[in-house]
Amino acid sequence: MGRDVSSSRINETKRKIIDWLKEEGYSPIERTDPHTCIYISVRASGWECDIIQCVGDIDKLFVVTNVVLLEEQVGFLKKMTDERRMPFSGNCG
């Protein structure tokens, strides 16, 4: 896939996300980070969400939010191997 096609695809995805968030009544904020192609933040009533697409991973979007895990859930994640736990987290750095 050529660079122009990739850039076009990224911009289209970014526009769709921003349009959808606005339709839902949110005020998305575009952010910049050298490790991301897409970095959109939403803040509302104590709720925070970041939508991130890492450079080199244009087929993946990460949605990060301020979720509080129960002690049982934390224990479950700690028992997992790194390989099994990876789908529950991401690394853009």
N, C-alpha and C. Protein backbone atom coordinates (compact mmCIF):
# COMPACT_ATOMS: atom_id res chain seq x y z
N MET A 1 0.85 -1.17 0.00
CA MET A 1 0.00 0.00 0.00
C MET A 1 0.89 1.23 0.00
N GLY A 2 0.66 2.16 -0.93
CA GLY A 2 1.48 3.35 -1.03
C GLY A 2 1.24 4.33 0.09
N ARG A 3 2.20 5.23 0.28
CA ARG A 3 2.11 6.22 1.35
C ARG A 3 0.89 7.12 1.20
N ASP A 4 0.57 7.55 -0.06
CA ASP A 4 -0.59 8.41 -0.28
C ASP A 4 -1.89 7.70 0.09
N VAL A 5 -1.99 6.42 -0.26
CA VAL A 5 -3.18 5.65 0.07
C VAL A 5 -3.29 5.50 1.58
N SER A 6 -2.18 5.22 2.26
CA SER A 6 -2.19 5.08 3.71
C SER A 6 -2.60 6.37 4.38
N SER A 7 -2.03 7.49 3.92
CA SER A 7 -2.35 8.79 4.49
C SER A 7 -3.83 9.12 4.27
N SER A 8 -4.33 8.83 3.10
CA SER A 8 -5.73 9.06 2.77
C SER A 8 -6.64 8.22 3.67
N ARG A 9 -6.26 6.97 3.87
CA ARG A 9 -7.04 6.06 4.72
C ARG A 9 -7.03 6.54 6.17
N ILE A 10 -5.90 6.99 6.66
CA ILE A 10 -5.79 7.50 8.03
C ILE A 10 -6.66 8.73 8.20
N ASN A 11 -6.57 9.66 7.25
CA ASN A 11 -7.38 10.89 7.34
C ASN A 11 -8.87 10.59 7.27
N GLU A 12 -9.27 9.64 6.44
CA GLU A 12 -10.68 9.26 6.36
C GLU A 12 -11.16 8.66 7.67
N THR A 13 -10.34 7.79 8.26
CA THR A 13 -10.69 7.18 9.55
C THR A 13 -10.81 8.25 10.63
N LYS A 14 -9.85 9.16 10.67
CA LYS A 14 -9.87 10.25 11.65
C LYS A 14 -11.15 11.09 11.50
N ARG A 15 -11.50 11.45 10.27
CA ARG A 15 -12.69 12.25 10.01
C ARG A 15 -13.95 11.52 10.47
N LYS A 16 -14.03 10.22 10.18
CA LYS A 16 -15.21 9.44 10.58
C LYS A 16 -15.35 9.38 12.10
N ILE A 17 -14.24 9.21 12.80
CA ILE A 17 -14.28 9.16 14.27
C ILE A 17 -14.73 10.50 14.83
N ILE A 18 -14.15 11.58 14.33
CA ILE A 18 -14.50 12.92 14.82
C ILE A 18 -15.96 13.23 14.52
N ASP A 19 -16.41 12.93 13.32
CA ASP A 19 -17.82 13.17 12.96
C ASP A 19 -18.76 12.38 13.86
N TRP A 20 -18.43 11.12 14.11
CA TRP A 20 -19.27 10.26 14.96
C TRP A 20 -19.34 10.81 16.38
N LEU A 21 -18.19 11.21 16.92
CA LEU A 21 -18.17 11.76 18.28
C LEU A 21 -19.01 13.03 18.37
N LYS A 22 -18.91 13.88 17.36
CA LYS A 22 -19.71 15.11 17.34
C LYS A 22 -21.20 14.80 17.25
N GLU A 23 -21.56 13.81 16.42
CA GLU A 23 -22.97 13.40 16.31
C GLU A 23 -23.50 12.91 17.66
N GLU A 24 -22.64 12.30 18.45
CA GLU A 24 -23.04 11.80 19.76
C GLU A 24 -23.02 12.88 20.84
N GLY A 25 -22.66 14.10 20.45
CA GLY A 25 -22.70 15.22 21.39
C GLY A 25 -21.40 15.50 22.13
N TYR A 26 -20.31 14.89 21.71
CA TYR A 26 -19.01 15.12 22.35
C TYR A 26 -18.21 16.17 21.58
N SER A 27 -17.21 16.71 22.23
CA SER A 27 -16.31 17.68 21.61
C SER A 27 -14.91 17.07 21.50
N PRO A 28 -14.65 16.34 20.44
CA PRO A 28 -13.34 15.68 20.29
C PRO A 28 -12.21 16.70 20.12
N ILE A 29 -11.06 16.37 20.67
CA ILE A 29 -9.86 17.21 20.57
C ILE A 29 -8.78 16.40 19.87
N GLU A 30 -8.27 16.92 18.76
CA GLU A 30 -7.16 16.25 18.08
C GLU A 30 -5.87 16.59 18.80
N ARG A 31 -5.08 15.59 19.08
CA ARG A 31 -3.79 15.77 19.74
C ARG A 31 -2.69 15.28 18.81
N THR A 32 -1.47 15.68 19.11
CA THR A 32 -0.34 15.20 18.31
C THR A 32 0.64 14.47 19.21
N ASP A 33 1.22 13.46 18.65
CA ASP A 33 2.23 12.66 19.34
C ASP A 33 3.05 11.99 18.24
N PRO A 34 4.38 12.00 18.34
CA PRO A 34 5.20 11.43 17.26
C PRO A 34 5.00 9.93 17.05
N HIS A 35 4.39 9.25 18.00
CA HIS A 35 4.20 7.81 17.90
C HIS A 35 2.81 7.44 17.36
N THR A 36 1.98 8.45 17.05
CA THR A 36 0.62 8.17 16.62
C THR A 36 0.28 8.82 15.28
N CYS A 37 -0.63 8.17 14.55
CA CYS A 37 -1.22 8.75 13.33
C CYS A 37 -2.52 9.46 13.70
N ILE A 38 -3.25 8.85 14.61
CA ILE A 38 -4.52 9.41 15.10
C ILE A 38 -4.43 9.45 16.61
N TYR A 39 -4.80 10.59 17.17
CA TYR A 39 -4.85 10.75 18.63
C TYR A 39 -5.96 11.74 18.92
N ILE A 40 -7.11 11.22 19.31
CA ILE A 40 -8.29 12.03 19.57
C ILE A 40 -8.70 11.82 21.02
N SER A 41 -8.92 12.92 21.74
CA SER A 41 -9.34 12.85 23.14
C SER A 41 -10.76 13.37 23.29
N VAL A 42 -11.47 12.79 24.25
CA VAL A 42 -12.81 13.23 24.60
C VAL A 42 -12.88 13.30 26.12
N ARG A 43 -13.39 14.40 26.63
CA ARG A 43 -13.56 14.57 28.07
C ARG A 43 -15.00 15.03 28.31
N ALA A 44 -15.71 14.36 29.20
CA ALA A 44 -17.09 14.76 29.49
C ALA A 44 -17.50 14.25 30.87
N SER A 45 -17.92 15.14 31.73
CA SER A 45 -18.47 14.78 33.04
C SER A 45 -17.61 13.79 33.82
N GLY A 46 -16.31 14.02 33.88
CA GLY A 46 -15.42 13.13 34.61
C GLY A 46 -15.01 11.89 33.84
N TRP A 47 -15.54 11.71 32.67
CA TRP A 47 -15.24 10.56 31.82
C TRP A 47 -14.20 10.98 30.80
N GLU A 48 -13.18 10.18 30.61
CA GLU A 48 -12.12 10.48 29.65
C GLU A 48 -11.93 9.31 28.71
N CYS A 49 -11.63 9.63 27.46
CA CYS A 49 -11.40 8.59 26.47
C CYS A 49 -10.40 9.10 25.44
N ASP A 50 -9.44 8.28 25.07
CA ASP A 50 -8.50 8.59 24.01
C ASP A 50 -8.62 7.51 22.94
N ILE A 51 -8.67 7.93 21.69
CA ILE A 51 -8.70 7.01 20.57
C ILE A 51 -7.38 7.20 19.83
N ILE A 52 -6.60 6.13 19.74
CA ILE A 52 -5.23 6.24 19.26
C ILE A 52 -4.97 5.21 18.16
N GLN A 53 -4.27 5.67 17.13
CA GLN A 53 -3.77 4.77 16.10
C GLN A 53 -2.26 4.99 16.04
N CYS A 54 -1.51 3.97 16.34
CA CYS A 54 -0.05 4.07 16.39
C CYS A 54 0.56 4.07 14.99
N VAL A 55 1.66 4.77 14.84
CA VAL A 55 2.41 4.75 13.59
C VAL A 55 2.79 3.30 13.31
N GLY A 56 2.57 2.84 12.11
CA GLY A 56 2.92 1.47 11.74
C GLY A 56 1.81 0.46 12.00
N ASP A 57 0.74 0.87 12.66
CA ASP A 57 -0.38 -0.03 12.95
C ASP A 57 -1.68 0.56 12.43
N ILE A 58 -1.75 0.85 11.13
CA ILE A 58 -2.94 1.52 10.61
C ILE A 58 -4.17 0.63 10.57
N ASP A 59 -4.01 -0.65 10.87
CA ASP A 59 -5.16 -1.55 10.92
C ASP A 59 -5.70 -1.72 12.34
N LYS A 60 -5.15 -0.95 13.30
CA LYS A 60 -5.57 -1.07 14.69
C LYS A 60 -5.89 0.29 15.27
N LEU A 61 -6.94 0.35 16.09
CA LEU A 61 -7.26 1.52 16.88
C LEU A 61 -7.30 1.10 18.34
N PHE A 62 -6.73 1.90 19.20
CA PHE A 62 -6.77 1.64 20.63
C PHE A 62 -7.70 2.66 21.26
N VAL A 63 -8.62 2.19 22.08
CA VAL A 63 -9.51 3.07 22.83
C VAL A 63 -9.11 2.93 24.29
N VAL A 64 -8.67 4.05 24.86
CA VAL A 64 -8.18 4.06 26.23
C VAL A 64 -9.12 4.92 27.06
N THR A 65 -9.56 4.39 28.18
CA THR A 65 -10.47 5.14 29.04
C THR A 65 -10.10 4.93 30.50
N ASN A 66 -10.69 5.74 31.35
CA ASN A 66 -10.40 5.65 32.77
C ASN A 66 -11.37 4.67 33.45
N VAL A 67 -11.06 3.42 33.31
CA VAL A 67 -11.89 2.36 33.88
C VAL A 67 -11.25 1.88 35.18
N VAL A 68 -12.07 1.73 36.19
CA VAL A 68 -11.59 1.19 37.46
C VAL A 68 -11.89 -0.30 37.49
N LEU A 69 -10.84 -1.09 37.60
CA LEU A 69 -11.01 -2.54 37.64
C LEU A 69 -11.26 -3.00 39.07
N LEU A 70 -12.09 -4.01 39.21
CA LEU A 70 -12.31 -4.62 40.51
C LEU A 70 -11.09 -5.44 40.90
N GLU A 71 -10.90 -5.65 42.17
CA GLU A 71 -9.75 -6.41 42.66
C GLU A 71 -9.67 -7.78 42.00
N GLU A 72 -10.81 -8.42 41.80
CA GLU A 72 -10.87 -9.74 41.16
C GLU A 72 -10.36 -9.66 39.71
N GLN A 73 -10.72 -8.60 39.00
CA GLN A 73 -10.26 -8.43 37.62
C GLN A 73 -8.76 -8.19 37.55
N VAL A 74 -8.24 -7.39 38.47
CA VAL A 74 -6.80 -7.13 38.52
C VAL A 74 -6.06 -8.44 38.79
N GLY A 75 -6.57 -9.24 39.71
CA GLY A 75 -5.96 -10.53 40.02
C GLY A 75 -5.95 -11.45 38.81
N PHE A 76 -7.04 -11.45 38.06
CA PHE A 76 -7.14 -12.26 36.85
C PHE A 76 -6.08 -11.84 35.83
N LEU A 77 -5.92 -10.53 35.62
CA LEU A 77 -4.92 -10.03 34.67
C LEU A 77 -3.49 -10.36 35.13
N LYS A 78 -3.24 -10.28 36.42
CA LYS A 78 -1.90 -10.57 36.95
C LYS A 78 -1.51 -12.04 36.75
N LYS A 79 -2.50 -12.92 36.75
CA LYS A 79 -2.24 -14.35 36.58
C LYS A 79 -1.94 -14.73 35.13
N MET A 80 -2.31 -13.87 34.19
CA MET A 80 -2.10 -14.17 32.77
C MET A 80 -0.63 -14.07 32.40
N THR A 81 -0.25 -14.81 31.39
CA THR A 81 1.09 -14.65 30.82
C THR A 81 1.11 -13.32 30.06
N ASP A 82 2.31 -12.79 29.81
CA ASP A 82 2.44 -11.54 29.06
C ASP A 82 1.77 -11.66 27.69
N GLU A 83 1.96 -12.81 27.05
CA GLU A 83 1.38 -13.02 25.72
C GLU A 83 -0.15 -12.97 25.75
N ARG A 84 -0.73 -13.59 26.74
CA ARG A 84 -2.20 -13.61 26.87
C ARG A 84 -2.74 -12.24 27.27
N ARG A 85 -2.00 -11.50 28.07
CA ARG A 85 -2.42 -10.19 28.57
C ARG A 85 -2.31 -9.10 27.50
N MET A 86 -1.43 -9.28 26.52
CA MET A 86 -1.15 -8.23 25.52
C MET A 86 -2.41 -7.72 24.80
N PRO A 87 -3.36 -8.56 24.39
CA PRO A 87 -4.54 -8.02 23.72
C PRO A 87 -5.36 -7.03 24.57
N PHE A 88 -5.16 -7.05 25.89
CA PHE A 88 -5.88 -6.14 26.78
C PHE A 88 -5.16 -4.80 26.95
N SER A 89 -3.98 -4.67 26.37
CA SER A 89 -3.21 -3.43 26.48
C SER A 89 -2.48 -3.18 25.18
N GLY A 90 -1.93 -2.00 25.02
CA GLY A 90 -1.21 -1.68 23.80
C GLY A 90 0.07 -0.93 24.13
N ASN A 91 0.95 -0.87 23.17
CA ASN A 91 2.23 -0.18 23.36
C ASN A 91 2.53 0.64 22.11
N CYS A 92 2.42 1.96 22.23
CA CYS A 92 2.68 2.84 21.09
C CYS A 92 4.09 3.38 21.12
N GLY A 93 4.86 3.07 22.14
CA GLY A 93 6.19 3.67 22.29
C GLY A 93 7.30 2.87 21.76
